[in-house]
Amino acid sequence: MVSNSKTNEVSNVVFESVKSVLNKRGNWTGRMTDLDTLLRRDLKKNVPENWPGSPSALRVRLNSVVNRLRNAGMSIRFVRASNRTRTRLVRFTNNNL
């Protein structure tokens, strides 16, 4: 089992990464897989060893920092695409820009 401090560390990294990406881009919409790729690219070689191993695990981490993101002026919505596949998407908006 992963210790609580390591869980908090990863949650903090997820929070800071999302915040950094949104400060650069403003708004972003995509699948959790795309978000994982984007955050890993933003972190470069500083990805923690206990980084979520799947898009669903990243969603759990994201859920733990949703309120912090909203308090920082960013809105986050989990939606489904309106096409036939109804792909699950996450939509970020930086209200500070």
C-alpha atoms as a PDB file:
ATOM      1  CA  MET A   1       0.000   0.000   0.000  1.00  0.00           C
ATOM      2  CA  VAL A   2       1.230   3.518  -0.802  1.00  0.00           C
ATOM      3  CA  SER A   3       1.818   5.752   2.207  1.00  0.00           C
ATOM      4  CA  ASN A   4      -0.326   8.822   2.751  1.00  0.00           C
ATOM      5  CA  SER A   5       2.611  11.206   2.295  1.00  0.00           C
ATOM      6  CA  LYS A   6       3.421   9.720  -1.128  1.00  0.00           C
ATOM      7  CA  THR A   7      -0.253   9.971  -2.107  1.00  0.00           C
ATOM      8  CA  ASN A   8      -0.284  13.628  -1.069  1.00  0.00           C
ATOM      9  CA  GLU A   9       2.970  14.221  -2.940  1.00  0.00           C
ATOM     10  CA  VAL A  10       1.489  12.873  -6.180  1.00  0.00           C
ATOM     11  CA  SER A  11      -1.726  14.865  -5.633  1.00  0.00           C
ATOM     12  CA  ASN A  12       0.363  18.016  -5.175  1.00  0.00           C
ATOM     13  CA  VAL A  13       2.313  17.263  -8.362  1.00  0.00           C
ATOM     14  CA  VAL A  14      -0.957  16.701 -10.267  1.00  0.00           C
ATOM     15  CA  PHE A  15      -2.325  20.000  -8.914  1.00  0.00           C
ATOM     16  CA  GLU A  16       0.798  21.994  -9.787  1.00  0.00           C
ATOM     17  CA  SER A  17       1.076  20.384 -13.236  1.00  0.00           C
ATOM     18  CA  VAL A  18      -2.529  21.070 -14.177  1.00  0.00           C
ATOM     19  CA  LYS A  19      -2.184  24.632 -12.900  1.00  0.00           C
ATOM     20  CA  SER A  20       1.018  25.130 -14.919  1.00  0.00           C
ATOM     21  CA  VAL A  21      -0.526  23.758 -18.120  1.00  0.00           C
ATOM     22  CA  LEU A  22      -3.642  25.917 -17.732  1.00  0.00           C
ATOM     23  CA  ASN A  23      -1.601  29.035 -17.050  1.00  0.00           C
ATOM     24  CA  LYS A  24       0.152  28.427 -20.388  1.00  0.00           C
ATOM     25  CA  ARG A  25      -2.890  27.337 -22.423  1.00  0.00           C
ATOM     26  CA  GLY A  26      -5.904  28.918 -20.738  1.00  0.00           C
ATOM     27  CA  ASN A  27      -8.449  26.248 -21.651  1.00  0.00           C
ATOM     28  CA  TRP A  28      -8.086  22.569 -22.429  1.00  0.00           C
ATOM     29  CA  THR A  29     -10.460  19.727 -23.293  1.00  0.00           C
ATOM     30  CA  GLY A  30      -9.515  16.114 -23.878  1.00  0.00           C
ATOM     31  CA  ARG A  31      -9.539  12.519 -22.690  1.00  0.00           C
ATOM     32  CA  MET A  32      -7.794  11.453 -19.491  1.00  0.00           C
ATOM     33  CA  THR A  33      -5.225   9.635 -21.648  1.00  0.00           C
ATOM     34  CA  ASP A  34      -4.457  12.922 -23.415  1.00  0.00           C
ATOM     35  CA  LEU A  35      -4.223  14.720 -20.073  1.00  0.00           C
ATOM     36  CA  ASP A  36      -1.801  12.099 -18.757  1.00  0.00           C
ATOM     37  CA  THR A  37       0.409  12.548 -21.831  1.00  0.00           C
ATOM     38  CA  LEU A  38       0.246  16.341 -21.518  1.00  0.00           C
ATOM     39  CA  LEU A  39       1.136  16.334 -17.805  1.00  0.00           C
ATOM     40  CA  ARG A  40       3.984  13.867 -18.291  1.00  0.00           C
ATOM     41  CA  ARG A  41       5.346  16.060 -21.079  1.00  0.00           C
ATOM     42  CA  ASP A  42       5.071  19.116 -18.813  1.00  0.00           C
ATOM     43  CA  LEU A  43       6.875  17.323 -15.979  1.00  0.00           C
ATOM     44  CA  LYS A  44       9.566  15.988 -18.337  1.00  0.00           C
ATOM     45  CA  LYS A  45      11.850  13.796 -16.219  1.00  0.00           C
ATOM     46  CA  ASN A  46      10.366  14.849 -12.868  1.00  0.00           C
ATOM     47  CA  VAL A  47       7.448  12.392 -12.969  1.00  0.00           C
ATOM     48  CA  PRO A  48       7.141  10.812  -9.492  1.00  0.00           C
ATOM     49  CA  GLU A  49       7.730   7.056  -9.414  1.00  0.00           C
ATOM     50  CA  ASN A  50       4.236   6.480  -8.007  1.00  0.00           C
ATOM     51  CA  TRP A  51       2.522   8.556 -10.720  1.00  0.00           C
ATOM     52  CA  PRO A  52      -0.900   7.109 -11.588  1.00  0.00           C
ATOM     53  CA  GLY A  53      -0.428   4.169 -13.924  1.00  0.00           C
ATOM     54  CA  SER A  54      -3.705   4.480 -15.810  1.00  0.00           C
ATOM     55  CA  PRO A  55      -6.144   7.181 -16.927  1.00  0.00           C
ATOM     56  CA  SER A  56      -8.666   6.025 -14.325  1.00  0.00           C
ATOM     57  CA  ALA A  57      -6.041   6.285 -11.568  1.00  0.00           C
ATOM     58  CA  LEU A  58      -5.220   9.801 -12.776  1.00  0.00           C
ATOM     59  CA  ARG A  59      -8.945  10.615 -12.550  1.00  0.00           C
ATOM     60  CA  VAL A  60      -8.908   9.535  -8.882  1.00  0.00           C
ATOM     61  CA  ARG A  61      -5.928  11.845  -8.221  1.00  0.00           C
ATOM     62  CA  LEU A  62      -7.634  14.650 -10.123  1.00  0.00           C
ATOM     63  CA  ASN A  63     -10.773  14.201  -8.039  1.00  0.00           C
ATOM     64  CA  SER A  64      -8.676  14.719  -4.913  1.00  0.00           C
ATOM     65  CA  VAL A  65      -7.465  18.137  -6.124  1.00  0.00           C
ATOM     66  CA  VAL A  66     -10.627  19.420  -7.852  1.00  0.00           C
ATOM     67  CA  ASN A  67     -11.510  21.791  -5.007  1.00  0.00           C
ATOM     68  CA  ARG A  68      -7.973  23.193  -4.886  1.00  0.00           C
ATOM     69  CA  LEU A  69      -8.107  23.853  -8.641  1.00  0.00           C
ATOM     70  CA  ARG A  70     -11.472  25.579  -8.305  1.00  0.00           C
ATOM     71  CA  ASN A  71     -10.162  27.692  -5.417  1.00  0.00           C
ATOM     72  CA  ALA A  72      -7.239  28.687  -7.664  1.00  0.00           C
ATOM     73  CA  GLY A  73      -9.731  30.047 -10.231  1.00  0.00           C
ATOM     74  CA  MET A  74      -9.928  27.100 -12.587  1.00  0.00           C
ATOM     75  CA  SER A  75     -13.098  25.314 -13.505  1.00  0.00           C
ATOM     76  CA  ILE A  76     -13.147  21.617 -14.266  1.00  0.00           C
ATOM     77  CA  ARG A  77     -15.980  19.588 -15.767  1.00  0.00           C
ATOM     78  CA  PHE A  78     -16.233  15.937 -16.604  1.00  0.00           C
ATOM     79  CA  VAL A  79     -18.395  15.556 -19.694  1.00  0.00           C
ATOM     80  CA  ARG A  80     -19.177  13.148 -22.509  1.00  0.00           C
ATOM     81  CA  ALA A  81     -18.600  13.893 -26.171  1.00  0.00           C
ATOM     82  CA  SER A  82     -21.771  14.527 -28.139  1.00  0.00           C
ATOM     83  CA  ASN A  83     -20.832  12.100 -30.924  1.00  0.00           C
ATOM     84  CA  ARG A  84     -21.918   8.468 -31.129  1.00  0.00           C
ATOM     85  CA  THR A  85     -18.962   7.197 -29.087  1.00  0.00           C
ATOM     86  CA  ARG A  86     -19.824   9.469 -26.131  1.00  0.00           C
ATOM     87  CA  THR A  87     -16.157   9.581 -25.139  1.00  0.00           C
ATOM     88  CA  ARG A  88     -15.511  10.766 -21.594  1.00  0.00           C
ATOM     89  CA  LEU A  89     -13.766  14.123 -21.548  1.00  0.00           C
ATOM     90  CA  VAL A  90     -12.370  16.492 -18.985  1.00  0.00           C
ATOM     91  CA  ARG A  91     -12.722  20.213 -19.662  1.00  0.00           C
ATOM     92  CA  PHE A  92     -10.547  22.801 -17.913  1.00  0.00           C
ATOM     93  CA  THR A  93     -11.045  26.560 -18.034  1.00  0.00           C
ATOM     94  CA  ASN A  94      -8.663  29.037 -16.444  1.00  0.00           C
ATOM     95  CA  ASN A  95     -10.869  31.840 -15.148  1.00  0.00           C
ATOM     96  CA  ASN A  96      -7.810  33.927 -14.187  1.00  0.00           C
ATOM     97  CA  LEU A  97      -6.906  34.784 -17.780  1.00  0.00           C
END
